[in-house]
Amino acid sequence: MGPKALRAAAAVEAASLLVLLVNLLTVHAGPVASLGGPVHGSAYLITIVATFSLTAAGPSGAARALSFVPGVGGMLVLRWLRLHPEAVGAPSAGPDGGTGRG
């Protein structure tokens, strides 16, 4: 997963949380909660996976920890990565040079 996937998942995560909170504080429509909950949960998990696949282990532990913050974790990760571009790990080639042939 790349930075575009992280940006999309972070946006969906934050927007779906906002929709769920507005729904909770106003009309509390069941269908909105039934659809919004799984959308938000899926975006939250995709944000975590995208962060882990995009960042290198070690120096980007803060970004990985931020990804676990519900609702705004993706936005926090994007901001952290903008301030620390060196934390983005380059895809590593395997022993076969990245051809996948072993």
PDB file of N, CA and C in Angstrom:
ATOM      1  N   MET A   1       0.844  -1.183   0.000  1.00  0.00           N
ATOM      2  CA  MET A   1       0.000   0.000   0.000  1.00  0.00           C
ATOM      3  C   MET A   1       0.883   1.238   0.000  1.00  0.00           C
ATOM      4  N   GLY A   2       0.439   2.246  -0.689  1.00  0.00           N
ATOM      5  CA  GLY A   2       1.217   3.460  -0.794  1.00  0.00           C
ATOM      6  C   GLY A   2       0.595   4.620  -0.047  1.00  0.00           C
ATOM      7  N   PRO A   3       1.193   5.791  -0.233  1.00  0.00           N
ATOM      8  CA  PRO A   3       0.691   6.973   0.455  1.00  0.00           C
ATOM      9  C   PRO A   3      -0.724   7.360   0.028  1.00  0.00           C
ATOM     10  N   LYS A   4      -1.098   7.066  -1.207  1.00  0.00           N
ATOM     11  CA  LYS A   4      -2.460   7.391  -1.643  1.00  0.00           C
ATOM     12  C   LYS A   4      -3.488   6.580  -0.867  1.00  0.00           C
ATOM     13  N   ALA A   5      -3.193   5.319  -0.628  1.00  0.00           N
ATOM     14  CA  ALA A   5      -4.111   4.475   0.145  1.00  0.00           C
ATOM     15  C   ALA A   5      -4.228   4.986   1.572  1.00  0.00           C
ATOM     16  N   LEU A   6      -3.104   5.408   2.145  1.00  0.00           N
ATOM     17  CA  LEU A   6      -3.129   5.948   3.504  1.00  0.00           C
ATOM     18  C   LEU A   6      -3.949   7.233   3.551  1.00  0.00           C
ATOM     19  N   ARG A   7      -3.766   8.116   2.561  1.00  0.00           N
ATOM     20  CA  ARG A   7      -4.539   9.368   2.522  1.00  0.00           C
ATOM     21  C   ARG A   7      -6.031   9.095   2.393  1.00  0.00           C
ATOM     22  N   ALA A   8      -6.388   8.171   1.527  1.00  0.00           N
ATOM     23  CA  ALA A   8      -7.804   7.847   1.336  1.00  0.00           C
ATOM     24  C   ALA A   8      -8.406   7.229   2.594  1.00  0.00           C
ATOM     25  N   ALA A   9      -7.693   6.284   3.192  1.00  0.00           N
ATOM     26  CA  ALA A   9      -8.203   5.633   4.398  1.00  0.00           C
ATOM     27  C   ALA A   9      -8.317   6.621   5.555  1.00  0.00           C
ATOM     28  N   ALA A  10      -7.353   7.523   5.673  1.00  0.00           N
ATOM     29  CA  ALA A  10      -7.399   8.530   6.742  1.00  0.00           C
ATOM     30  C   ALA A  10      -8.588   9.458   6.556  1.00  0.00           C
ATOM     31  N   ALA A  11      -8.855   9.847   5.323  1.00  0.00           N
ATOM     32  CA  ALA A  11      -9.992  10.732   5.058  1.00  0.00           C
ATOM     33  C   ALA A  11     -11.315  10.032   5.358  1.00  0.00           C
ATOM     34  N   VAL A  12     -11.444   8.784   4.939  1.00  0.00           N
ATOM     35  CA  VAL A  12     -12.672   8.033   5.202  1.00  0.00           C
ATOM     36  C   VAL A  12     -12.835   7.795   6.695  1.00  0.00           C
ATOM     37  N   GLU A  13     -11.735   7.505   7.381  1.00  0.00           N
ATOM     38  CA  GLU A  13     -11.783   7.272   8.819  1.00  0.00           C
ATOM     39  C   GLU A  13     -12.309   8.507   9.553  1.00  0.00           C
ATOM     40  N   ALA A  14     -11.756   9.666   9.246  1.00  0.00           N
ATOM     41  CA  ALA A  14     -12.171  10.898   9.913  1.00  0.00           C
ATOM     42  C   ALA A  14     -13.597  11.295   9.528  1.00  0.00           C
ATOM     43  N   ALA A  15     -13.926  11.199   8.243  1.00  0.00           N
ATOM     44  CA  ALA A  15     -15.272  11.588   7.792  1.00  0.00           C
ATOM     45  C   ALA A  15     -16.342  10.670   8.370  1.00  0.00           C
ATOM     46  N   SER A  16     -16.059   9.374   8.410  1.00  0.00           N
ATOM     47  CA  SER A  16     -17.058   8.445   8.938  1.00  0.00           C
ATOM     48  C   SER A  16     -17.264   8.651  10.433  1.00  0.00           C
ATOM     49  N   LEU A  17     -16.208   8.996  11.149  1.00  0.00           N
ATOM     50  CA  LEU A  17     -16.363   9.289  12.569  1.00  0.00           C
ATOM     51  C   LEU A  17     -17.230  10.529  12.761  1.00  0.00           C
ATOM     52  N   LEU A  18     -17.004  11.537  11.942  1.00  0.00           N
ATOM     53  CA  LEU A  18     -17.807  12.749  12.022  1.00  0.00           C
ATOM     54  C   LEU A  18     -19.281  12.446  11.746  1.00  0.00           C
ATOM     55  N   VAL A  19     -19.548  11.649  10.727  1.00  0.00           N
ATOM     56  CA  VAL A  19     -20.930  11.271  10.402  1.00  0.00           C
ATOM     57  C   VAL A  19     -21.562  10.512  11.567  1.00  0.00           C
ATOM     58  N   LEU A  20     -20.811   9.579  12.150  1.00  0.00           N
ATOM     59  CA  LEU A  20     -21.350   8.809  13.276  1.00  0.00           C
ATOM     60  C   LEU A  20     -21.641   9.701  14.483  1.00  0.00           C
ATOM     61  N   LEU A  21     -20.765  10.643  14.771  1.00  0.00           N
ATOM     62  CA  LEU A  21     -20.981  11.525  15.916  1.00  0.00           C
ATOM     63  C   LEU A  21     -22.158  12.476  15.686  1.00  0.00           C
ATOM     64  N   VAL A  22     -22.255  13.029  14.492  1.00  0.00           N
ATOM     65  CA  VAL A  22     -23.391  13.906  14.187  1.00  0.00           C
ATOM     66  C   VAL A  22     -24.687  13.122  14.278  1.00  0.00           C
ATOM     67  N   ASN A  23     -24.691  11.908  13.749  1.00  0.00           N
ATOM     68  CA  ASN A  23     -25.876  11.061  13.834  1.00  0.00           C
ATOM     69  C   ASN A  23     -26.231  10.778  15.291  1.00  0.00           C
ATOM     70  N   LEU A  24     -25.253  10.504  16.117  1.00  0.00           N
ATOM     71  CA  LEU A  24     -25.491  10.199  17.523  1.00  0.00           C
ATOM     72  C   LEU A  24     -26.061  11.402  18.266  1.00  0.00           C
ATOM     73  N   LEU A  25     -25.565  12.591  17.935  1.00  0.00           N
ATOM     74  CA  LEU A  25     -25.999  13.797  18.643  1.00  0.00           C
ATOM     75  C   LEU A  25     -27.297  14.387  18.103  1.00  0.00           C
ATOM     76  N   THR A  26     -27.773  13.903  16.957  1.00  0.00           N
ATOM     77  CA  THR A  26     -28.993  14.474  16.382  1.00  0.00           C
ATOM     78  C   THR A  26     -30.104  13.427  16.313  1.00  0.00           C
ATOM     79  N   VAL A  27     -30.293  12.829  15.174  1.00  0.00           N
ATOM     80  CA  VAL A  27     -31.458  11.968  14.954  1.00  0.00           C
ATOM     81  C   VAL A  27     -31.248  10.516  15.355  1.00  0.00           C
ATOM     82  N   HIS A  28     -30.020  10.091  15.480  1.00  0.00           N
ATOM     83  CA  HIS A  28     -29.681   8.707  15.816  1.00  0.00           C
ATOM     84  C   HIS A  28     -30.408   7.704  14.916  1.00  0.00           C
ATOM     85  N   ALA A  29     -30.219   7.884  13.618  1.00  0.00           N
ATOM     86  CA  ALA A  29     -30.827   6.990  12.634  1.00  0.00           C
ATOM     87  C   ALA A  29     -30.084   5.655  12.601  1.00  0.00           C
ATOM     88  N   GLY A  30     -30.827   4.599  12.751  1.00  0.00           N
ATOM     89  CA  GLY A  30     -30.252   3.258  12.769  1.00  0.00           C
ATOM     90  C   GLY A  30     -29.475   2.894  11.512  1.00  0.00           C
ATOM     91  N   PRO A  31     -30.025   3.161  10.327  1.00  0.00           N
ATOM     92  CA  PRO A  31     -29.292   2.803   9.107  1.00  0.00           C
ATOM     93  C   PRO A  31     -27.948   3.531   8.969  1.00  0.00           C
ATOM     94  N   VAL A  32     -27.891   4.763   9.436  1.00  0.00           N
ATOM     95  CA  VAL A  32     -26.621   5.504   9.367  1.00  0.00           C
ATOM     96  C   VAL A  32     -25.594   4.842  10.266  1.00  0.00           C
ATOM     97  N   ALA A  33     -26.005   4.458  11.452  1.00  0.00           N
ATOM     98  CA  ALA A  33     -25.093   3.784  12.378  1.00  0.00           C
ATOM     99  C   ALA A  33     -24.707   2.400  11.849  1.00  0.00           C
ATOM    100  N   SER A  34     -25.669   1.696  11.255  1.00  0.00           N
ATOM    101  CA  SER A  34     -25.394   0.354  10.730  1.00  0.00           C
ATOM    102  C   SER A  34     -24.408   0.372   9.575  1.00  0.00           C
ATOM    103  N   LEU A  35     -24.453   1.415   8.774  1.00  0.00           N
ATOM    104  CA  LEU A  35     -23.526   1.531   7.651  1.00  0.00           C
ATOM    105  C   LEU A  35     -22.230   2.225   8.075  1.00  0.00           C
ATOM    106  N   GLY A  36     -22.360   3.266   8.878  1.00  0.00           N
ATOM    107  CA  GLY A  36     -21.191   4.063   9.269  1.00  0.00           C
ATOM    108  C   GLY A  36     -20.209   3.320  10.158  1.00  0.00           C
ATOM    109  N   GLY A  37     -20.720   2.472  11.033  1.00  0.00           N
ATOM    110  CA  GLY A  37     -19.839   1.734  11.943  1.00  0.00           C
ATOM    111  C   GLY A  37     -18.847   0.836  11.216  1.00  0.00           C
ATOM    112  N   PRO A  38     -19.326  -0.044  10.349  1.00  0.00           N
ATOM    113  CA  PRO A  38     -18.394  -0.897   9.605  1.00  0.00           C
ATOM    114  C   PRO A  38     -17.470  -0.120   8.665  1.00  0.00           C
ATOM    115  N   VAL A  39     -17.983   0.957   8.067  1.00  0.00           N
ATOM    116  CA  VAL A  39     -17.126   1.773   7.194  1.00  0.00           C
ATOM    117  C   VAL A  39     -15.991   2.385   8.021  1.00  0.00           C
ATOM    118  N   HIS A  40     -16.339   2.928   9.179  1.00  0.00           N
ATOM    119  CA  HIS A  40     -15.323   3.533  10.033  1.00  0.00           C
ATOM    120  C   HIS A  40     -14.320   2.482  10.524  1.00  0.00           C
ATOM    121  N   GLY A  41     -14.811   1.338  10.941  1.00  0.00           N
ATOM    122  CA  GLY A  41     -13.921   0.284  11.425  1.00  0.00           C
ATOM    123  C   GLY A  41     -12.979  -0.224  10.349  1.00  0.00           C
ATOM    124  N   SER A  42     -13.508  -0.380   9.155  1.00  0.00           N
ATOM    125  CA  SER A  42     -12.667  -0.837   8.043  1.00  0.00           C
ATOM    126  C   SER A  42     -11.604   0.194   7.695  1.00  0.00           C
ATOM    127  N   ALA A  43     -11.989   1.465   7.658  1.00  0.00           N
ATOM    128  CA  ALA A  43     -11.021   2.527   7.361  1.00  0.00           C
ATOM    129  C   ALA A  43      -9.953   2.603   8.443  1.00  0.00           C
ATOM    130  N   TYR A  44     -10.339   2.394   9.696  1.00  0.00           N
ATOM    131  CA  TYR A  44      -9.393   2.389  10.809  1.00  0.00           C
ATOM    132  C   TYR A  44      -8.356   1.278  10.628  1.00  0.00           C
ATOM    133  N   LEU A  45      -8.818   0.089  10.295  1.00  0.00           N
ATOM    134  CA  LEU A  45      -7.890  -1.033  10.099  1.00  0.00           C
ATOM    135  C   LEU A  45      -7.008  -0.832   8.866  1.00  0.00           C
ATOM    136  N   ILE A  46      -7.563  -0.305   7.794  1.00  0.00           N
ATOM    137  CA  ILE A  46      -6.769  -0.046   6.594  1.00  0.00           C
ATOM    138  C   ILE A  46      -5.711   1.016   6.875  1.00  0.00           C
ATOM    139  N   THR A  47      -6.046   2.010   7.699  1.00  0.00           N
ATOM    140  CA  THR A  47      -5.075   3.040   8.081  1.00  0.00           C
ATOM    141  C   THR A  47      -3.892   2.412   8.810  1.00  0.00           C
ATOM    142  N   ILE A  48      -4.174   1.512   9.716  1.00  0.00           N
ATOM    143  CA  ILE A  48      -3.093   0.851  10.471  1.00  0.00           C
ATOM    144  C   ILE A  48      -2.226   0.014   9.535  1.00  0.00           C
ATOM    145  N   VAL A  49      -2.849  -0.778   8.688  1.00  0.00           N
ATOM    146  CA  VAL A  49      -2.095  -1.630   7.763  1.00  0.00           C
ATOM    147  C   VAL A  49      -1.277  -0.778   6.790  1.00  0.00           C
ATOM    148  N   ALA A  50      -1.870   0.285   6.270  1.00  0.00           N
ATOM    149  CA  ALA A  50      -1.155   1.153   5.330  1.00  0.00           C
ATOM    150  C   ALA A  50       0.031   1.830   6.001  1.00  0.00           C
ATOM    151  N   THR A  51      -0.134   2.239   7.245  1.00  0.00           N
ATOM    152  CA  THR A  51       0.973   2.867   7.970  1.00  0.00           C
ATOM    153  C   THR A  51       2.118   1.887   8.167  1.00  0.00           C
ATOM    154  N   PHE A  52       1.786   0.675   8.572  1.00  0.00           N
ATOM    155  CA  PHE A  52       2.830  -0.326   8.801  1.00  0.00           C
ATOM    156  C   PHE A  52       3.526  -0.717   7.500  1.00  0.00           C
ATOM    157  N   SER A  53       2.791  -0.768   6.404  1.00  0.00           N
ATOM    158  CA  SER A  53       3.423  -1.156   5.148  1.00  0.00           C
ATOM    159  C   SER A  53       4.213  -0.012   4.522  1.00  0.00           C
ATOM    160  N   LEU A  54       3.887   1.220   4.882  1.00  0.00           N
ATOM    161  CA  LEU A  54       4.550   2.376   4.295  1.00  0.00           C
ATOM    162  C   LEU A  54       5.803   2.779   5.056  1.00  0.00           C
ATOM    163  N   THR A  55       5.830   2.541   6.348  1.00  0.00           N
ATOM    164  CA  THR A  55       6.949   3.003   7.172  1.00  0.00           C
ATOM    165  C   THR A  55       7.932   1.882   7.456  1.00  0.00           C
ATOM    166  N   ALA A  56       9.168   2.281   7.660  1.00  0.00           N
ATOM    167  CA  ALA A  56      10.215   1.335   8.029  1.00  0.00           C
ATOM    168  C   ALA A  56      10.167   1.103   9.536  1.00  0.00           C
ATOM    169  N   ALA A  57      10.553  -0.077   9.946  1.00  0.00           N
ATOM    170  CA  ALA A  57      10.599  -0.371  11.374  1.00  0.00           C
ATOM    171  C   ALA A  57      11.710   0.436  12.019  1.00  0.00           C
ATOM    172  N   GLY A  58      11.548   0.732  13.277  1.00  0.00           N
ATOM    173  CA  GLY A  58      12.580   1.459  14.010  1.00  0.00           C
ATOM    174  C   GLY A  58      12.270   2.929  14.169  1.00  0.00           C
ATOM    175  N   PRO A  59      12.798   3.785  13.272  1.00  0.00           N
ATOM    176  CA  PRO A  59      12.641   5.214  13.485  1.00  0.00           C
ATOM    177  C   PRO A  59      11.205   5.707  13.338  1.00  0.00           C
ATOM    178  N   SER A  60      10.358   4.927  12.737  1.00  0.00           N
ATOM    179  CA  SER A  60       8.982   5.376  12.524  1.00  0.00           C
ATOM    180  C   SER A  60       8.011   4.752  13.527  1.00  0.00           C
ATOM    181  N   GLY A  61       8.514   4.377  14.676  1.00  0.00           N
ATOM    182  CA  GLY A  61       7.653   3.814  15.714  1.00  0.00           C
ATOM    183  C   GLY A  61       6.573   4.781  16.148  1.00  0.00           C
ATOM    184  N   ALA A  62       6.879   6.073  16.128  1.00  0.00           N
ATOM    185  CA  ALA A  62       5.874   7.073  16.511  1.00  0.00           C
ATOM    186  C   ALA A  62       4.726   7.089  15.516  1.00  0.00           C
ATOM    187  N   ALA A  63       5.029   7.011  14.244  1.00  0.00           N
ATOM    188  CA  ALA A  63       3.979   6.992  13.223  1.00  0.00           C
ATOM    189  C   ALA A  63       3.122   5.749  13.388  1.00  0.00           C
ATOM    190  N   ARG A  64       3.758   4.645  13.648  1.00  0.00           N
ATOM    191  CA  ARG A  64       3.010   3.397  13.818  1.00  0.00           C
ATOM    192  C   ARG A  64       2.121   3.464  15.050  1.00  0.00           C
ATOM    193  N   ALA A  65       2.607   4.083  16.117  1.00  0.00           N
ATOM    194  CA  ALA A  65       1.789   4.237  17.326  1.00  0.00           C
ATOM    195  C   ALA A  65       0.621   5.190  17.074  1.00  0.00           C
ATOM    196  N   LEU A  66       0.867   6.265  16.334  1.00  0.00           N
ATOM    197  CA  LEU A  66      -0.194   7.227  16.041  1.00  0.00           C
ATOM    198  C   LEU A  66      -1.317   6.601  15.223  1.00  0.00           C
ATOM    199  N   SER A  67      -0.994   5.605  14.411  1.00  0.00           N
ATOM    200  CA  SER A  67      -2.018   4.988  13.568  1.00  0.00           C
ATOM    201  C   SER A  67      -3.096   4.293  14.394  1.00  0.00           C
ATOM    202  N   PHE A  68      -2.819   3.990  15.650  1.00  0.00           N
ATOM    203  CA  PHE A  68      -3.785   3.307  16.507  1.00  0.00           C
ATOM    204  C   PHE A  68      -4.767   4.260  17.188  1.00  0.00           C
ATOM    205  N   VAL A  69      -4.591   5.567  17.017  1.00  0.00           N
ATOM    206  CA  VAL A  69      -5.524   6.536  17.599  1.00  0.00           C
ATOM    207  C   VAL A  69      -6.817   6.489  16.789  1.00  0.00           C
ATOM    208  N   PRO A  70      -7.927   6.124  17.417  1.00  0.00           N
ATOM    209  CA  PRO A  70      -9.175   6.002  16.661  1.00  0.00           C
ATOM    210  C   PRO A  70      -9.663   7.353  16.126  1.00  0.00           C
ATOM    211  N   GLY A  71     -10.160   7.338  14.910  1.00  0.00           N
ATOM    212  CA  GLY A  71     -10.779   8.523  14.336  1.00  0.00           C
ATOM    213  C   GLY A  71      -9.844   9.452  13.613  1.00  0.00           C
ATOM    214  N   VAL A  72      -8.769   9.852  14.261  1.00  0.00           N
ATOM    215  CA  VAL A  72      -7.857  10.827  13.660  1.00  0.00           C
ATOM    216  C   VAL A  72      -6.441  10.292  13.489  1.00  0.00           C
ATOM    217  N   GLY A  73      -6.237   9.026  13.768  1.00  0.00           N
ATOM    218  CA  GLY A  73      -4.902   8.446  13.681  1.00  0.00           C
ATOM    219  C   GLY A  73      -4.270   8.584  12.316  1.00  0.00           C
ATOM    220  N   GLY A  74      -5.051   8.375  11.283  1.00  0.00           N
ATOM    221  CA  GLY A  74      -4.533   8.500   9.920  1.00  0.00           C
ATOM    222  C   GLY A  74      -4.066   9.910   9.618  1.00  0.00           C
ATOM    223  N   MET A  75      -4.831  10.892  10.049  1.00  0.00           N
ATOM    224  CA  MET A  75      -4.438  12.291   9.831  1.00  0.00           C
ATOM    225  C   MET A  75      -3.169  12.624  10.615  1.00  0.00           C
ATOM    226  N   LEU A  76      -3.068  12.093  11.826  1.00  0.00           N
ATOM    227  CA  LEU A  76      -1.858  12.316  12.623  1.00  0.00           C
ATOM    228  C   LEU A  76      -0.639  11.676  11.967  1.00  0.00           C
ATOM    229  N   VAL A  77      -0.817  10.487  11.417  1.00  0.00           N
ATOM    230  CA  VAL A  77       0.284   9.810  10.728  1.00  0.00           C
ATOM    231  C   VAL A  77       0.722  10.613   9.509  1.00  0.00           C
ATOM    232  N   LEU A  78      -0.235  11.098   8.726  1.00  0.00           N
ATOM    233  CA  LEU A  78       0.112  11.882   7.544  1.00  0.00           C
ATOM    234  C   LEU A  78       0.891  13.136   7.924  1.00  0.00           C
ATOM    235  N   ARG A  79       0.484  13.786   8.994  1.00  0.00           N
ATOM    236  CA  ARG A  79       1.210  14.976   9.447  1.00  0.00           C
ATOM    237  C   ARG A  79       2.613  14.602   9.916  1.00  0.00           C
ATOM    238  N   TRP A  80       2.716  13.498  10.667  1.00  0.00           N
ATOM    239  CA  TRP A  80       4.014  13.068  11.169  1.00  0.00           C
ATOM    240  C   TRP A  80       4.948  12.716  10.011  1.00  0.00           C
ATOM    241  N   LEU A  81       4.419  12.036   9.010  1.00  0.00           N
ATOM    242  CA  LEU A  81       5.239  11.660   7.856  1.00  0.00           C
ATOM    243  C   LEU A  81       5.650  12.874   7.027  1.00  0.00           C
ATOM    244  N   ARG A  82       4.812  13.901   7.000  1.00  0.00           N
ATOM    245  CA  ARG A  82       5.176  15.125   6.294  1.00  0.00           C
ATOM    246  C   ARG A  82       6.363  15.809   6.988  1.00  0.00           C
ATOM    247  N   LEU A  83       6.411  15.704   8.316  1.00  0.00           N
ATOM    248  CA  LEU A  83       7.512  16.298   9.077  1.00  0.00           C
ATOM    249  C   LEU A  83       8.749  15.411   9.112  1.00  0.00           C
ATOM    250  N   HIS A  84       8.582  14.118   8.888  1.00  0.00           N
ATOM    251  CA  HIS A  84       9.684  13.141   8.938  1.00  0.00           C
ATOM    252  C   HIS A  84       9.670  12.267   7.686  1.00  0.00           C
ATOM    253  N   PRO A  85       9.967  12.820   6.526  1.00  0.00           N
ATOM    254  CA  PRO A  85       9.892  12.022   5.291  1.00  0.00           C
ATOM    255  C   PRO A  85      10.889  10.868   5.245  1.00  0.00           C
ATOM    256  N   GLU A  86      11.937  10.936   6.053  1.00  0.00           N
ATOM    257  CA  GLU A  86      12.928   9.860   6.063  1.00  0.00           C
ATOM    258  C   GLU A  86      12.379   8.565   6.660  1.00  0.00           C
ATOM    259  N   ALA A  87      11.244   8.636   7.344  1.00  0.00           N
ATOM    260  CA  ALA A  87      10.666   7.453   7.981  1.00  0.00           C
ATOM    261  C   ALA A  87       9.947   6.552   6.987  1.00  0.00           C
ATOM    262  N   VAL A  88       9.664   7.064   5.804  1.00  0.00           N
ATOM    263  CA  VAL A  88       8.996   6.246   4.802  1.00  0.00           C
ATOM    264  C   VAL A  88      10.004   5.231   4.288  1.00  0.00           C
ATOM    265  N   GLY A  89       9.696   3.960   4.493  1.00  0.00           N
ATOM    266  CA  GLY A  89      10.613   2.900   4.106  1.00  0.00           C
ATOM    267  C   GLY A  89      10.488   2.563   2.643  1.00  0.00           C
ATOM    268  N   ALA A  90      11.599   2.403   1.992  1.00  0.00           N
ATOM    269  CA  ALA A  90      11.597   1.980   0.593  1.00  0.00           C
ATOM    270  C   ALA A  90      11.277   0.498   0.531  1.00  0.00           C
ATOM    271  N   PRO A  91      10.515   0.062  -0.443  1.00  0.00           N
ATOM    272  CA  PRO A  91      10.240  -1.364  -0.563  1.00  0.00           C
ATOM    273  C   PRO A  91      11.543  -2.130  -0.741  1.00  0.00           C
ATOM    274  N   SER A  92      11.714  -3.136   0.071  1.00  0.00           N
ATOM    275  CA  SER A  92      12.963  -3.881   0.004  1.00  0.00           C
ATOM    276  C   SER A  92      12.867  -4.990  -1.025  1.00  0.00           C
ATOM    277  N   ALA A  93      13.911  -5.121  -1.801  1.00  0.00           N
ATOM    278  CA  ALA A  93      13.991  -6.198  -2.789  1.00  0.00           C
ATOM    279  C   ALA A  93      14.462  -7.459  -2.068  1.00  0.00           C
ATOM    280  N   GLY A  94      13.901  -8.555  -2.438  1.00  0.00           N
ATOM    281  CA  GLY A  94      14.300  -9.822  -1.848  1.00  0.00           C
ATOM    282  C   GLY A  94      15.625 -10.297  -2.398  1.00  0.00           C
ATOM    283  N   PRO A  95      16.051 -11.509  -2.044  1.00  0.00           N
ATOM    284  CA  PRO A  95      17.322 -12.031  -2.519  1.00  0.00           C
ATOM    285  C   PRO A  95      17.372 -12.217  -4.027  1.00  0.00           C
ATOM    286  N   ASP A  96      16.207 -12.246  -4.656  1.00  0.00           N
ATOM    287  CA  ASP A  96      16.170 -12.412  -6.107  1.00  0.00           C
ATOM    288  C   ASP A  96      16.174 -11.078  -6.847  1.00  0.00           C
ATOM    289  N   GLY A  97      16.369  -9.987  -6.112  1.00  0.00           N
ATOM    290  CA  GLY A  97      16.420  -8.678  -6.748  1.00  0.00           C
ATOM    291  C   GLY A  97      15.042  -8.100  -7.026  1.00  0.00           C
ATOM    292  N   GLY A  98      14.005  -8.662  -6.425  1.00  0.00           N
ATOM    293  CA  GLY A  98      12.659  -8.148  -6.585  1.00  0.00           C
ATOM    294  C   GLY A  98      11.906  -8.723  -7.746  1.00  0.00           C
ATOM    295  N   THR A  99      12.442  -9.762  -8.407  1.00  0.00           N
ATOM    296  CA  THR A  99      11.750 -10.342  -9.548  1.00  0.00           C
ATOM    297  C   THR A  99      10.664 -11.324  -9.136  1.00  0.00           C
ATOM    298  N   GLY A 100      10.737 -11.836  -7.903  1.00  0.00           N
ATOM    299  CA  GLY A 100       9.749 -12.784  -7.446  1.00  0.00           C
ATOM    300  C   GLY A 100       9.983 -14.197  -7.939  1.00  0.00           C
ATOM    301  N   ARG A 101      11.144 -14.458  -8.496  1.00  0.00           N
ATOM    302  CA  ARG A 101      11.426 -15.787  -9.048  1.00  0.00           C
ATOM    303  C   ARG A 101      12.317 -16.637  -8.148  1.00  0.00           C
ATOM    304  N   GLY A 102      12.823 -16.095  -7.066  1.00  0.00           N
ATOM    305  CA  GLY A 102      13.628 -16.866  -6.123  1.00  0.00           C
ATOM    306  C   GLY A 102      14.895 -17.250  -6.624  1.00  0.00           C
TER     307      GLY A 102
END
